[in-house]
C-alpha atoms as a PDB file:
ATOM      1  CA  MET A   1      -6.620 -17.889 -11.994  1.00  0.00           C
ATOM      2  CA  LYS A   2      -5.315 -20.563 -14.370  1.00  0.00           C
ATOM      3  CA  SER A   3      -1.651 -21.123 -15.025  1.00  0.00           C
ATOM      4  CA  GLU A   4       0.121 -23.830 -16.941  1.00  0.00           C
ATOM      5  CA  PRO A   5       2.401 -25.475 -14.375  1.00  0.00           C
ATOM      6  CA  ASP A   6       5.305 -25.637 -16.838  1.00  0.00           C
ATOM      7  CA  GLU A   7       5.123 -21.819 -17.046  1.00  0.00           C
ATOM      8  CA  VAL A   8       4.321 -20.973 -13.385  1.00  0.00           C
ATOM      9  CA  SER A   9       3.223 -23.637 -10.912  1.00  0.00           C
ATOM     10  CA  ILE A  10       2.085 -23.198  -7.319  1.00  0.00           C
ATOM     11  CA  ASP A  11       5.523 -24.525  -6.304  1.00  0.00           C
ATOM     12  CA  ASP A  12       7.218 -21.891  -8.486  1.00  0.00           C
ATOM     13  CA  ALA A  13       5.049 -19.169  -6.961  1.00  0.00           C
ATOM     14  CA  LEU A  14       5.773 -20.312  -3.401  1.00  0.00           C
ATOM     15  CA  ALA A  15       9.521 -20.377  -4.176  1.00  0.00           C
ATOM     16  CA  ALA A  16       9.497 -16.885  -5.762  1.00  0.00           C
ATOM     17  CA  HIS A  17      10.832 -13.905  -3.808  1.00  0.00           C
ATOM     18  CA  GLY A  18       8.064 -12.994  -1.370  1.00  0.00           C
ATOM     19  CA  SER A  19       6.035 -15.873  -2.880  1.00  0.00           C
ATOM     20  CA  THR A  20       4.892 -13.269  -5.418  1.00  0.00           C
ATOM     21  CA  VAL A  21       4.627 -13.643  -9.186  1.00  0.00           C
ATOM     22  CA  ALA A  22       3.431 -11.250 -11.872  1.00  0.00           C
ATOM     23  CA  TRP A  23       0.375 -12.717 -13.648  1.00  0.00           C
ATOM     24  CA  PHE A  24       1.602 -11.810 -17.133  1.00  0.00           C
ATOM     25  CA  GLY A  25       0.418 -12.829 -20.567  1.00  0.00           C
ATOM     26  CA  VAL A  26      -3.356 -12.456 -20.212  1.00  0.00           C
ATOM     27  CA  ARG A  27      -4.575 -11.744 -23.752  1.00  0.00           C
ATOM     28  CA  ASN A  28      -8.325 -12.034 -23.451  1.00  0.00           C
ATOM     29  CA  TYR A  29     -10.281  -8.827 -22.936  1.00  0.00           C
ATOM     30  CA  GLN A  30     -12.837 -10.339 -20.555  1.00  0.00           C
ATOM     31  CA  ALA A  31     -10.127 -11.916 -18.367  1.00  0.00           C
ATOM     32  CA  ARG A  32      -8.166  -8.636 -18.488  1.00  0.00           C
ATOM     33  CA  ASN A  33     -11.254  -6.723 -17.400  1.00  0.00           C
ATOM     34  CA  PHE A  34     -11.804  -9.056 -14.432  1.00  0.00           C
ATOM     35  CA  MET A  35      -8.210  -8.396 -13.381  1.00  0.00           C
ATOM     36  CA  ARG A  36      -8.317  -4.664 -14.086  1.00  0.00           C
ATOM     37  CA  ASP A  37     -11.788  -3.804 -12.774  1.00  0.00           C
ATOM     38  CA  ALA A  38     -12.789  -6.379 -10.180  1.00  0.00           C
ATOM     39  CA  MET A  39      -9.655  -7.580  -8.374  1.00  0.00           C
ATOM     40  CA  ARG A  40      -8.484  -5.811  -5.250  1.00  0.00           C
ATOM     41  CA  VAL A  41      -5.339  -6.237  -3.184  1.00  0.00           C
ATOM     42  CA  GLY A  42      -5.993  -8.978  -0.636  1.00  0.00           C
ATOM     43  CA  ASP A  43      -8.659 -10.791  -2.680  1.00  0.00           C
ATOM     44  CA  GLY A  44      -8.348 -14.557  -2.515  1.00  0.00           C
ATOM     45  CA  VAL A  45      -7.196 -16.488  -5.580  1.00  0.00           C
ATOM     46  CA  LEU A  46      -7.695 -20.131  -6.440  1.00  0.00           C
ATOM     47  CA  PHE A  47      -4.412 -21.093  -8.124  1.00  0.00           C
ATOM     48  CA  TYR A  48      -5.531 -23.480 -10.862  1.00  0.00           C
ATOM     49  CA  HIS A  49      -3.165 -25.654 -12.909  1.00  0.00           C
ATOM     50  CA  SER A  50      -4.369 -26.011 -16.518  1.00  0.00           C
ATOM     51  CA  SER A  51      -3.138 -27.660 -19.721  1.00  0.00           C
ATOM     52  CA  CYS A  52      -1.521 -30.486 -17.776  1.00  0.00           C
ATOM     53  CA  ASP A  53      -2.144 -34.161 -17.018  1.00  0.00           C
ATOM     54  CA  GLU A  54      -4.431 -33.380 -14.077  1.00  0.00           C
ATOM     55  CA  PRO A  55      -5.981 -29.890 -14.169  1.00  0.00           C
ATOM     56  CA  GLY A  56      -7.338 -28.492 -10.941  1.00  0.00           C
ATOM     57  CA  ILE A  57      -6.904 -26.174  -7.987  1.00  0.00           C
ATOM     58  CA  ALA A  58      -3.363 -26.637  -6.681  1.00  0.00           C
ATOM     59  CA  GLY A  59      -3.121 -23.813  -4.178  1.00  0.00           C
ATOM     60  CA  ILE A  60      -4.385 -20.625  -2.633  1.00  0.00           C
ATOM     61  CA  ALA A  61      -3.009 -17.168  -3.295  1.00  0.00           C
ATOM     62  CA  GLU A  62      -4.026 -13.539  -2.962  1.00  0.00           C
ATOM     63  CA  VAL A  63      -3.922 -10.465  -5.146  1.00  0.00           C
ATOM     64  CA  ALA A  64      -0.786  -8.584  -4.080  1.00  0.00           C
ATOM     65  CA  SER A  65      -0.889  -5.447  -6.260  1.00  0.00           C
ATOM     66  CA  THR A  66      -3.148  -3.136  -8.136  1.00  0.00           C
ATOM     67  CA  PRO A  67      -3.191  -3.634 -11.934  1.00  0.00           C
ATOM     68  CA  TYR A  68      -0.277  -2.250 -13.946  1.00  0.00           C
ATOM     69  CA  PRO A  69       0.878  -2.572 -17.576  1.00  0.00           C
ATOM     70  CA  ASP A  70       2.147  -6.005 -18.635  1.00  0.00           C
ATOM     71  CA  ASP A  71       5.595  -5.304 -20.089  1.00  0.00           C
ATOM     72  CA  THR A  72       5.496  -8.429 -22.279  1.00  0.00           C
ATOM     73  CA  GLN A  73       3.113  -6.577 -24.629  1.00  0.00           C
ATOM     74  CA  PHE A  74       5.966  -4.220 -25.583  1.00  0.00           C
ATOM     75  CA  ASP A  75       8.642  -6.895 -26.128  1.00  0.00           C
ATOM     76  CA  SER A  76       8.766  -7.926 -29.797  1.00  0.00           C
ATOM     77  CA  LYS A  77      10.595 -11.138 -28.789  1.00  0.00           C
ATOM     78  CA  SER A  78       7.848 -12.175 -26.358  1.00  0.00           C
ATOM     79  CA  ALA A  79       5.082 -14.632 -27.220  1.00  0.00           C
ATOM     80  CA  TYR A  80       2.774 -12.037 -25.633  1.00  0.00           C
ATOM     81  CA  TYR A  81       3.905  -9.118 -27.811  1.00  0.00           C
ATOM     82  CA  ASP A  82       1.116  -6.854 -29.057  1.00  0.00           C
ATOM     83  CA  PRO A  83       2.187  -4.482 -31.852  1.00  0.00           C
ATOM     84  CA  LYS A  84      -0.864  -2.279 -31.234  1.00  0.00           C
ATOM     85  CA  ALA A  85       0.101  -1.612 -27.602  1.00  0.00           C
ATOM     86  CA  THR A  86       2.198   1.404 -26.695  1.00  0.00           C
ATOM     87  CA  ARG A  87       3.602   2.592 -23.382  1.00  0.00           C
ATOM     88  CA  GLU A  88       1.330   5.639 -23.690  1.00  0.00           C
ATOM     89  CA  ASN A  89      -1.689   3.427 -24.401  1.00  0.00           C
ATOM     90  CA  PRO A  90      -1.120  -0.076 -23.012  1.00  0.00           C
ATOM     91  CA  ARG A  91      -3.766  -2.684 -23.854  1.00  0.00           C
ATOM     92  CA  TRP A  92      -2.839  -5.339 -21.306  1.00  0.00           C
ATOM     93  CA  VAL A  93      -2.412  -5.276 -17.550  1.00  0.00           C
ATOM     94  CA  LEU A  94      -1.359  -7.702 -14.871  1.00  0.00           C
ATOM     95  CA  VAL A  95      -1.511  -8.024 -11.115  1.00  0.00           C
ATOM     96  CA  ASP A  96       0.999  -9.571  -8.779  1.00  0.00           C
ATOM     97  CA  VAL A  97      -0.222 -12.713  -7.049  1.00  0.00           C
ATOM     98  CA  ARG A  98       1.169 -13.931  -3.719  1.00  0.00           C
ATOM     99  CA  ALA A  99       0.984 -17.686  -3.193  1.00  0.00           C
ATOM    100  CA  THR A 100      -0.011 -18.487   0.375  1.00  0.00           C
ATOM    101  CA  GLN A 101      -0.543 -22.244   0.411  1.00  0.00           C
ATOM    102  CA  LYS A 102      -0.152 -25.362  -1.668  1.00  0.00           C
ATOM    103  CA  THR A 103      -3.225 -27.564  -1.320  1.00  0.00           C
ATOM    104  CA  ARG A 104      -4.124 -31.058  -2.311  1.00  0.00           C
ATOM    105  CA  LEU A 105      -5.082 -31.070  -5.986  1.00  0.00           C
ATOM    106  CA  MET A 106      -8.819 -30.496  -6.322  1.00  0.00           C
ATOM    107  CA  THR A 107      -9.444 -31.837  -9.818  1.00  0.00           C
ATOM    108  CA  LEU A 108     -11.902 -30.645 -12.411  1.00  0.00           C
ATOM    109  CA  PRO A 109     -14.046 -33.828 -12.078  1.00  0.00           C
ATOM    110  CA  GLU A 110     -14.169 -33.299  -8.308  1.00  0.00           C
ATOM    111  CA  LEU A 111     -15.232 -29.667  -8.755  1.00  0.00           C
ATOM    112  CA  ARG A 112     -17.936 -30.778 -11.200  1.00  0.00           C
ATOM    113  CA  SER A 113     -19.209 -33.360  -8.696  1.00  0.00           C
ATOM    114  CA  ILE A 114     -20.100 -30.751  -6.051  1.00  0.00           C
ATOM    115  CA  PRO A 115     -23.724 -29.603  -6.548  1.00  0.00           C
ATOM    116  CA  GLU A 116     -23.099 -26.188  -4.927  1.00  0.00           C
ATOM    117  CA  LEU A 117     -20.591 -25.412  -7.701  1.00  0.00           C
ATOM    118  CA  ALA A 118     -22.890 -26.266 -10.622  1.00  0.00           C
ATOM    119  CA  ASP A 119     -23.107 -22.613 -11.731  1.00  0.00           C
ATOM    120  CA  MET A 120     -19.438 -21.764 -11.195  1.00  0.00           C
ATOM    121  CA  GLN A 121     -18.172 -19.857 -14.221  1.00  0.00           C
ATOM    122  CA  ILE A 122     -15.014 -21.918 -14.714  1.00  0.00           C
ATOM    123  CA  LEU A 123     -17.126 -25.095 -14.915  1.00  0.00           C
ATOM    124  CA  ARG A 124     -19.418 -23.853 -17.686  1.00  0.00           C
ATOM    125  CA  LYS A 125     -19.133 -25.664 -21.001  1.00  0.00           C
ATOM    126  CA  GLY A 126     -16.892 -23.851 -23.431  1.00  0.00           C
ATOM    127  CA  ASN A 127     -15.257 -21.651 -20.773  1.00  0.00           C
ATOM    128  CA  ARG A 128     -11.630 -21.053 -21.675  1.00  0.00           C
ATOM    129  CA  LEU A 129     -10.966 -17.925 -19.663  1.00  0.00           C
ATOM    130  CA  SER A 130      -7.795 -17.918 -17.591  1.00  0.00           C
ATOM    131  CA  ILE A 131      -9.355 -15.654 -14.974  1.00  0.00           C
ATOM    132  CA  THR A 132     -12.918 -15.966 -13.709  1.00  0.00           C
ATOM    133  CA  PRO A 133     -14.688 -14.566 -10.672  1.00  0.00           C
ATOM    134  CA  VAL A 134     -15.617 -16.830  -7.777  1.00  0.00           C
ATOM    135  CA  THR A 135     -18.598 -15.976  -5.589  1.00  0.00           C
ATOM    136  CA  PRO A 136     -18.204 -15.892  -1.798  1.00  0.00           C
ATOM    137  CA  ALA A 137     -20.431 -18.990  -1.538  1.00  0.00           C
ATOM    138  CA  GLU A 138     -18.284 -20.863  -4.098  1.00  0.00           C
ATOM    139  CA  TRP A 139     -15.110 -19.835  -2.240  1.00  0.00           C
ATOM    140  CA  ARG A 140     -16.477 -21.111   1.099  1.00  0.00           C
ATOM    141  CA  CYS A 141     -17.598 -24.378  -0.500  1.00  0.00           C
ATOM    142  CA  ILE A 142     -14.195 -24.973  -2.091  1.00  0.00           C
ATOM    143  CA  MET A 143     -12.383 -24.143   1.162  1.00  0.00           C
ATOM    144  CA  ARG A 144     -14.530 -26.734   2.988  1.00  0.00           C
ATOM    145  CA  HIS A 145     -13.749 -29.413   0.396  1.00  0.00           C
ATOM    146  CA  ILE A 146     -10.093 -28.619  -0.244  1.00  0.00           C
ATOM    147  CA  ASN A 147      -9.197 -28.817   3.447  1.00  0.00           C
ATOM    148  CA  LYS A 148     -10.728 -32.275   3.960  1.00  0.00           C
END
């Protein structure tokens, strides 16, 4: 799950009450569907800092809630407002994410240098999704490398 550190960083998440933050503002249908349909409470999350000087995995977290409507879609003053969304028919959901550990920064070039991660969705050319699935094999590989 990608977050811009000036919006929510791994440090912010760890400092939040219960180390839990709402993953609001997802406005891509494919990313929303990953969150809505595939994530389960307790699933591991790679907390990825994006749109910063050094993008990369900055921490580990876990899914802490089932999906529920993202209230920012209803707030006309929010950058994430969606005039087509209604409380009766919300278009956007979020999950709560609990940060569990800050890690060393595992940069994008480092991720790209690991042959076992060559097919990882986030590393594909043109990928701009903020949420992408990680296979169990990719997770194990990253855990081996991030804890070096």
